[in-house]
Protein backbone atom coordinates (compact mmCIF):
# COMPACT_ATOMS: atom_id res chain seq x y z
CA MET A 1 30.43 26.29 -7.18
CA SER A 2 27.77 24.45 -9.17
CA VAL A 3 25.76 21.63 -7.61
CA ARG A 4 26.29 18.38 -9.54
CA VAL A 5 22.93 16.63 -10.01
CA LEU A 6 22.03 13.11 -11.10
CA LEU A 7 18.46 12.58 -12.30
CA ALA A 8 16.91 9.15 -11.63
CA ASP A 9 13.40 8.59 -13.00
CA ASP A 10 11.93 5.91 -15.25
CA GLN A 11 9.92 8.54 -17.16
CA PRO A 12 12.08 10.17 -19.87
CA LEU A 13 9.78 13.20 -20.03
CA VAL A 14 10.30 13.91 -16.34
CA ARG A 15 14.07 13.69 -16.70
CA ALA A 16 13.98 15.84 -19.82
CA GLY A 17 11.87 18.50 -18.13
CA LEU A 18 14.18 18.75 -15.14
CA ARG A 19 17.27 18.70 -17.35
CA VAL A 20 15.98 21.54 -19.56
CA LEU A 21 15.09 23.55 -16.49
CA MET A 22 18.54 23.06 -14.95
CA VAL A 23 20.34 23.97 -18.18
CA ASP A 24 19.15 27.53 -17.61
CA THR A 25 20.21 27.47 -13.96
CA PRO A 26 23.90 28.39 -13.58
CA ASP A 27 24.34 26.83 -10.14
CA LEU A 28 22.88 23.40 -11.05
CA VAL A 29 24.56 21.00 -13.50
CA VAL A 30 23.07 17.68 -14.61
CA VAL A 31 25.96 15.19 -14.74
CA GLY A 32 23.96 12.07 -15.57
CA GLU A 33 20.59 10.35 -15.89
CA ALA A 34 19.31 6.96 -14.76
CA ALA A 35 16.13 5.12 -15.74
CA ASP A 36 16.07 2.83 -12.70
CA GLY A 37 17.60 2.34 -9.28
CA SER A 38 20.40 0.06 -10.40
CA GLN A 39 21.60 2.60 -12.94
CA ALA A 40 21.40 5.33 -10.32
CA VAL A 41 23.63 3.39 -7.91
CA ALA A 42 26.17 2.65 -10.64
CA LEU A 43 26.25 6.25 -11.86
CA VAL A 44 26.75 7.59 -8.35
CA ASP A 45 29.77 5.30 -8.04
CA ASP A 46 31.17 6.71 -11.28
CA LEU A 47 30.12 10.36 -11.18
CA ARG A 48 29.90 11.24 -7.46
CA PRO A 49 27.15 13.86 -7.81
CA ASP A 50 26.28 16.20 -4.97
CA VAL A 51 22.55 15.47 -5.18
CA VAL A 52 20.50 12.65 -6.67
CA VAL A 53 16.93 13.57 -7.59
CA MET A 54 15.37 10.14 -7.14
CA ASP A 55 11.97 8.85 -8.20
CA ILE A 56 10.50 6.32 -5.78
CA ARG A 57 8.62 3.95 -8.09
CA MET A 58 10.98 2.55 -10.72
CA PRO A 59 11.33 -0.94 -12.24
CA GLY A 60 13.78 -3.38 -10.70
CA VAL A 61 15.57 -1.64 -7.86
CA ASP A 62 13.20 1.07 -6.64
CA GLY A 63 14.18 4.50 -5.41
CA ILE A 64 14.09 3.61 -1.72
CA GLU A 65 16.47 0.66 -2.09
CA ALA A 66 18.72 2.69 -4.41
CA THR A 67 18.80 5.45 -1.80
CA ARG A 68 19.74 2.97 0.92
CA ARG A 69 22.65 1.68 -1.18
CA ILE A 70 23.83 5.15 -2.21
CA THR A 71 23.79 6.70 1.25
CA ALA A 72 25.54 3.65 2.74
CA ALA A 73 28.36 3.77 0.18
CA HIS A 74 28.57 7.54 -0.27
CA PRO A 75 27.47 9.42 2.87
CA ALA A 76 28.30 12.80 1.32
CA VAL A 77 25.82 12.31 -1.55
CA ARG A 78 22.41 13.77 -0.80
CA VAL A 79 19.22 12.20 -2.12
CA LEU A 80 16.08 14.20 -2.84
CA MET A 81 13.07 11.93 -3.33
CA LEU A 82 10.71 13.04 -6.08
CA THR A 83 7.36 11.30 -6.49
CA THR A 84 3.74 11.73 -7.46
CA PHE A 85 2.73 9.93 -4.30
CA ASP A 86 2.21 12.08 -1.21
CA ASP A 87 1.96 9.08 1.10
CA ASP A 88 3.30 8.55 4.60
CA ALA A 89 4.57 5.05 3.76
CA TYR A 90 6.88 6.56 1.15
CA VAL A 91 8.00 9.28 3.55
CA HIS A 92 8.81 6.59 6.09
CA GLY A 93 10.75 4.39 3.69
CA SER A 94 12.61 7.21 1.98
CA LEU A 95 13.84 8.97 5.08
CA ARG A 96 14.74 5.75 6.85
CA ALA A 97 16.82 4.87 3.79
CA GLY A 98 18.82 8.07 4.26
CA ALA A 99 17.14 10.59 1.97
CA SER A 100 17.61 14.23 2.90
CA GLY A 101 14.42 15.49 1.31
CA PHE A 102 11.03 14.48 -0.03
CA VAL A 103 9.11 16.50 -2.60
CA VAL A 104 6.15 15.74 -4.84
CA LYS A 105 6.04 16.23 -8.59
CA ASP A 106 3.11 18.63 -8.52
CA MET A 107 5.24 21.24 -6.76
CA ALA A 108 6.29 24.25 -8.83
CA LEU A 109 9.48 23.52 -10.76
CA GLU A 110 11.18 26.48 -9.08
CA ASP A 111 10.39 24.92 -5.71
CA ILE A 112 11.92 21.63 -6.79
CA LEU A 113 15.10 23.44 -7.83
CA ALA A 114 15.11 25.24 -4.50
CA ALA A 115 14.80 21.86 -2.77
CA VAL A 116 17.89 20.61 -4.65
CA ARG A 117 19.83 23.60 -3.33
CA VAL A 118 18.55 23.04 0.22
CA VAL A 119 19.70 19.43 0.43
CA ALA A 120 22.97 20.23 -1.36
CA ALA A 121 23.70 22.77 1.37
CA GLY A 122 23.38 20.03 3.98
CA ASP A 123 19.89 20.84 5.20
CA ALA A 124 16.83 18.61 5.08
CA LEU A 125 13.58 19.38 3.36
CA ILE A 126 10.12 17.85 3.33
CA ALA A 127 7.48 19.23 1.00
CA PRO A 128 4.89 21.43 2.71
CA SER A 129 2.18 18.99 1.62
CA VAL A 130 3.88 16.29 3.70
CA THR A 131 2.54 17.43 7.02
CA ARG A 132 3.95 17.10 10.52
CA ARG A 133 1.39 14.38 11.09
CA LEU A 134 3.09 12.33 8.38
CA ILE A 135 6.50 12.93 9.95
CA ALA A 136 5.07 11.60 13.18
CA GLU A 137 3.60 8.60 11.41
CA PHE A 138 6.81 7.55 9.66
CA ALA A 139 8.91 7.95 12.78
CA ALA A 140 6.40 6.16 14.99
CA ARG A 141 6.59 3.01 12.86
CA PRO A 142 9.82 1.19 13.75
CA ALA A 143 10.71 -1.59 11.35
CA ALA A 144 10.32 -4.61 13.59
CA THR A 145 10.36 -3.65 17.26
CA PRO A 146 8.01 -1.62 19.46
CA ALA A 147 8.93 1.99 20.14
CA PRO A 148 11.28 2.35 23.11
CA ALA A 149 10.16 4.01 26.28
CA THR A 150 11.11 7.63 26.68
CA ARG A 151 14.70 7.96 27.89
CA GLU A 152 17.48 10.47 28.08
CA VAL A 153 19.78 10.65 25.09
CA ASP A 154 23.34 10.12 26.26
CA GLY A 155 25.84 12.92 25.88
CA ILE A 156 23.57 15.92 25.38
CA THR A 157 22.61 18.72 27.74
CA GLY A 158 19.13 19.43 29.03
CA ARG A 159 18.76 22.36 26.66
CA GLU A 160 19.94 20.30 23.71
CA ARG A 161 17.38 17.69 24.67
CA GLU A 162 14.64 20.36 24.58
CA VAL A 163 15.81 21.45 21.14
CA LEU A 164 15.88 17.85 19.93
CA VAL A 165 12.29 17.33 21.07
CA LEU A 166 11.14 20.43 19.19
CA VAL A 167 13.06 19.43 16.06
CA GLY A 168 11.34 16.06 16.33
CA ARG A 169 7.98 17.82 16.45
CA GLY A 170 8.83 19.52 13.15
CA LEU A 171 9.45 23.06 14.41
CA SER A 172 11.70 25.41 12.44
CA ASN A 173 14.63 27.22 14.05
CA SER A 174 12.58 30.40 14.42
CA GLU A 175 9.69 28.48 16.02
CA ILE A 176 12.09 26.76 18.42
CA ALA A 177 13.61 30.12 19.33
CA ALA A 178 10.16 31.50 20.15
CA GLU A 179 9.20 28.39 22.13
CA LEU A 180 12.35 28.47 24.28
CA PHE A 181 12.79 32.26 24.42
CA ILE A 182 16.28 32.13 22.91
CA SER A 183 17.82 33.59 19.77
CA ILE A 184 17.78 31.86 16.39
CA ALA A 185 21.59 31.88 16.45
CA THR A 186 21.52 29.99 19.73
CA VAL A 187 19.10 27.44 18.28
CA LYS A 188 21.41 26.94 15.29
CA ALA A 189 24.33 26.39 17.64
CA HIS A 190 22.38 23.77 19.62
CA VAL A 191 21.30 22.01 16.41
CA ALA A 192 24.90 21.98 15.16
CA ARG A 193 26.06 20.41 18.41
CA LEU A 194 23.29 17.80 18.16
CA PHE A 195 24.52 16.89 14.68
CA THR A 196 27.99 16.27 16.10
CA LYS A 197 27.02 14.54 19.34
CA LEU A 198 24.40 12.27 17.80
CA ASP A 199 26.31 11.63 14.56
CA ALA A 200 23.40 12.97 12.51
CA ARG A 201 24.11 14.42 9.12
CA ASP A 202 20.94 16.50 8.79
CA ARG A 203 17.68 17.53 10.43
CA VAL A 204 15.79 14.50 9.16
CA GLN A 205 18.09 12.21 11.09
CA LEU A 206 17.51 14.26 14.24
CA VAL A 207 13.76 13.74 13.76
CA ILE A 208 14.30 10.00 13.47
CA ILE A 209 16.50 9.96 16.59
CA ALA A 210 13.89 11.91 18.56
CA TYR A 211 11.25 9.32 17.73
CA ASP A 212 13.45 6.24 17.98
CA THR A 213 14.52 7.19 21.50
CA GLY A 214 10.97 7.87 22.54
CA LEU A 215 11.54 11.58 23.20
CA VAL A 216 8.74 12.43 20.77
CA GLY A 217 5.64 10.48 19.81
CA PRO A 218 2.76 11.04 17.43
CA ARG A 219 0.80 12.94 20.06
CA THR A 220 3.70 14.90 21.59
């Protein structure tokens, strides 16, 4: 089945470039375009795309606020943030708002298309240029309250807790498997159970949970 994509960017040339690229991609279909956040929210209500490719800096309602509204109203819709700004403040705001991915516009177009497929499949993606240090920075900055002391997360096993810590540190499934001396399939099973037990829809939310509960910190 094709992935239904909504493009939201205030630059017509950016939207046109992505649209032309996706026209030649059988598994991606552009169902609509928005020039600002308000239009993006309204079009998601009408069109119910699978993925919104969302610029961050737009007039009026920006991409972060639009993402917050979209993910609150339509949890099944994935948002992939697309920006020229590789900045930890934007990573922080975007992922807290519910985005499933964050890529920068200077990535190869093929990599951006691959990112759309990744988030459509239910996974989370952060551009390689957004380093693990930046993940630590965004998660270590709670909105208004100091970070909680390290505590056990209710309802998960000791092994699942170990996996959650490593996910929070930014390790891939293969890296977690090597760290814990278990198979990749076992890691995937633990991650799937963490999704269910912690009511997290993707890996990004597990990262946020790991930091918010104090299991992982910037220097962990």
